[in-house]
Every structure is written in structure tokens, then in C-alpha cells.
Protein backbone atom coordinates (compact mmCIF):
# COMPACT_ATOMS: atom_id res chain seq x y z
CA MET A 1 166.69 175.20 175.02
CA LEU A 2 167.10 173.09 171.62
CA TYR A 3 168.46 170.09 173.43
CA VAL A 4 165.37 170.09 175.69
CA ILE A 5 163.17 169.99 172.41
CA TYR A 6 165.23 167.35 170.80
CA ILE A 7 164.75 165.38 173.84
CA LEU A 8 161.01 165.71 174.33
CA ILE A 9 160.75 164.86 170.38
CA LEU A 10 163.10 161.64 171.00
CA ILE A 11 160.92 160.83 174.14
CA ILE A 12 157.40 160.85 172.02
CA PHE A 13 158.86 158.61 169.27
CA ALA A 14 160.18 156.50 171.90
CA LEU A 15 156.40 156.16 173.25
CA VAL A 16 154.85 155.72 169.83
CA GLY A 17 157.44 152.93 169.01
CA TYR A 18 156.81 151.31 172.30
CA ALA A 19 152.80 151.56 171.64
CA ILE A 20 153.21 150.10 168.23
CA LEU A 21 155.37 147.46 169.75
CA GLN A 22 152.95 146.23 172.37
CA ILE A 23 150.24 146.33 169.64
CA ARG A 24 152.32 144.03 167.48
CA LEU A 25 153.30 141.59 170.62
CA PHE A 26 149.75 141.26 171.23
CA GLY A 27 149.18 139.91 167.76
CA ILE A 28 147.49 142.73 166.15
CA ASN A 29 148.38 144.35 163.14
CA VAL A 30 148.52 148.33 163.57
CA LYS A 31 146.20 149.21 160.72
CA ASP A 32 143.52 146.59 161.89
CA PHE A 33 143.82 148.28 165.52
CA TRP A 34 143.21 151.98 163.96
CA SER A 35 140.28 150.49 161.99
CA PHE A 36 138.96 149.50 165.45
CA ILE A 37 139.43 152.90 167.20
CA GLN A 38 137.52 154.40 164.32
CA ALA A 39 134.91 151.61 164.32
CA ASP A 40 134.48 152.14 168.17
CA GLN A 41 133.60 155.77 167.56
CA THR A 42 131.16 154.85 164.89
CA LEU A 43 129.85 152.19 167.12
CA ASP A 44 128.93 154.90 169.93
CA ARG A 45 127.29 157.03 167.08
CA LEU A 46 125.36 154.10 165.55
CA TYR A 47 124.18 153.11 168.90
CA ASP A 48 122.87 156.53 169.73
CA TYR A 49 121.26 156.81 166.41
CA SER A 50 119.62 153.46 166.68
CA LYS A 51 118.29 154.22 170.13
CA ARG A 52 116.83 157.72 168.98
CA TYR A 53 114.96 156.40 165.70
CA GLU A 54 112.92 153.28 165.96
CA TYR A 55 111.73 153.45 162.41
CA LEU A 56 114.38 154.01 159.42
CA THR A 57 113.63 154.51 155.81
CA PRO A 58 114.77 152.44 153.16
CA GLN A 59 117.81 154.69 152.75
CA GLN A 60 118.46 155.03 156.37
CA GLN A 61 118.32 151.12 156.35
CA ILE A 62 121.24 150.91 153.80
CA LEU A 63 123.27 153.20 155.46
CA TYR A 64 122.73 151.47 159.11
CA LEU A 65 123.53 148.23 157.34
CA LYS A 66 126.73 149.49 155.78
CA GLU A 67 128.03 151.25 158.95
CA ALA A 68 127.20 148.09 161.01
CA GLU A 69 129.14 145.78 158.72
CA THR A 70 132.43 148.04 158.97
CA ILE A 71 132.02 147.85 162.55
CA PHE A 72 131.53 144.13 162.76
CA GLU A 73 134.42 143.58 160.60
CA ALA A 74 136.79 145.43 162.71
CA PHE A 75 135.94 144.36 165.88
CA ASP A 76 135.95 140.58 164.62
CA LYS A 77 139.77 141.24 164.22
CA MET A 78 140.39 142.23 167.47
CA PRO A 79 140.40 140.00 170.73
CA ARG A 80 137.06 140.06 172.58
CA GLU A 81 138.91 141.20 175.95
CA LEU A 82 139.92 144.42 174.40
CA TRP A 83 136.22 145.45 173.80
CA GLU A 84 134.28 143.87 176.71
CA GLU A 85 133.09 147.39 177.78
CA GLU A 86 131.49 147.87 174.47
CA ASN A 87 129.74 144.48 174.36
CA ASP A 88 126.16 145.54 175.15
CA LYS A 89 126.30 148.24 172.56
CA TYR A 90 127.80 145.89 169.94
CA GLU A 91 124.93 143.19 170.81
CA PHE A 92 122.18 145.77 170.25
CA ILE A 93 123.49 146.99 166.98
CA LEU A 94 123.84 143.37 165.84
CA GLU A 95 120.42 142.68 166.81
CA ARG A 96 119.27 145.84 165.14
CA TYR A 97 121.09 144.71 162.07
CA LYS A 98 119.46 141.26 162.07
CA GLU A 99 116.03 142.79 162.51
CA ILE A 100 116.59 145.19 159.50
CA LYS A 101 118.06 142.40 157.24
CA LEU A 102 115.31 140.16 157.99
CA ASN A 103 112.60 142.73 157.30
CA ARG A 104 114.19 143.76 153.90
CA TRP A 105 114.60 139.96 152.99
CA SER A 106 110.74 139.31 153.72
CA GLU A 107 110.00 142.61 151.72
CA ASN A 108 111.87 141.32 148.95
CA LYS A 109 110.18 138.02 149.00
CA THR A 110 106.77 139.55 148.70
């Protein structure tokens, strides 16, 4: 029984090692890949949030801009083929980001 547990643990470590090897062979840093996974989850939440709320308070705008910037940084480090499915959400958040930046810039100018 103990040998079965050891074999299962060995298989799990081998699979994790293989996954890390594949990530590195693709030319991606493991830390960047983990940041991308977290940013992908944030992308979904931010997309839903921006769809529900048309107008944001200044505090909400600042939070939105910070979250969007972290998403952009993580996604920029990954090859585009890896996140093709999320492209529509990414573009929507990017457009909303640009709108907020432009509005905040024009408010500061006046």
C-alpha cells in the first residue's frame, strides 16, 4: 500500500516537472505564466464588472485602471496564440481603459 502512494507521488512530481519543462521550452518564464493565469481570472471579473457598470466613480476608475494595467502587463509577456480566445474581452477592457484615461486627462486639463 505504501509503494502505491510513493508511485502516485512520483507520478505527480513527474507531471508537474513535465509541465514546467514544456512552459520553459515554449520560452515562457514560469513566474510570468503564473501571473498570466491570475490575470486571466482577473480579466473575466473585470470584463463582467465593466459590462454591468457603465459609469464609474473616480475611485472605481482608479481601481479599474490599476487592474487593467496588471492584466496588460501579464498578457503582453505571453504569446498571442496562448490567449486568442480571450481577445474580445481584452479588447473591450482596453477600449474602456482608453476611455477612462482620456476622460480623466480631459478633466484634469480643465
